[in-house]
C-alpha cells in the first residue's frame, strides 16, 4: 500500500514563543544585556541573508494545507490512483541581511548593539535562503503578509512583556 504525504518546509520562522536558539531571539537577549553579538559574513565580505517568516504566516500556510489532497483510495480498501507526494515551501520570499535584522532590533529595543562581524565558518550554515512559494501560492492560496519590521515589533513587545521589566529581567 502506498501512502500519500505532505511536507511543509519552513524558512527561518520567528515570533513570540519562538526558539531561544535562533539569532533574533538570542540577539535580543544579548543586546539588552549589553553583550556583543556575532554577525556572520560570507566569503569576500558577502552578506548573509535569511528569508525570515513570521509565525502567523506559517500557521496560515499549515491551515491552508489541511485536507487539500485528492482522494487516492476507493471504498473497500482498493487503491485508486497514485499516492500523492507533495512538498510546499512556506516562507516570506523577501530575504533580509542579518545586519538589517540587527538594525531593526536596535530600533525596537532602543539599544545599540555591540556588533562583532566575523567570517562564517566553512562548515556552518548557508549564506542565503530564499523560499520559492509559487506552488504553495497556487495550490494552497498561501500568501505571507507580515514583513520583518512588523513581526519583530510584535516579538520585541512579547519578549519585554514575558521577561517582565525589559533590561532588568533579560540580565538575569
Foldseek 3Di string as FASTA:
>chain_A
DDAADEAEAEWAEDFAPDDCVRPLNVQLLCLLLQHADEFAAEPPRHFFWTQYAYPVLVVLLVVLPPPLDDDQADPPGHGHDDHHYYYFYRTQQDIDTVVVSSVLSCVLLVGHHRYDYDHADPPHDDRYDGGDGVVSCVRRVRHGDDDSSRRVNNRVVNVCVVLPPRSVSSND
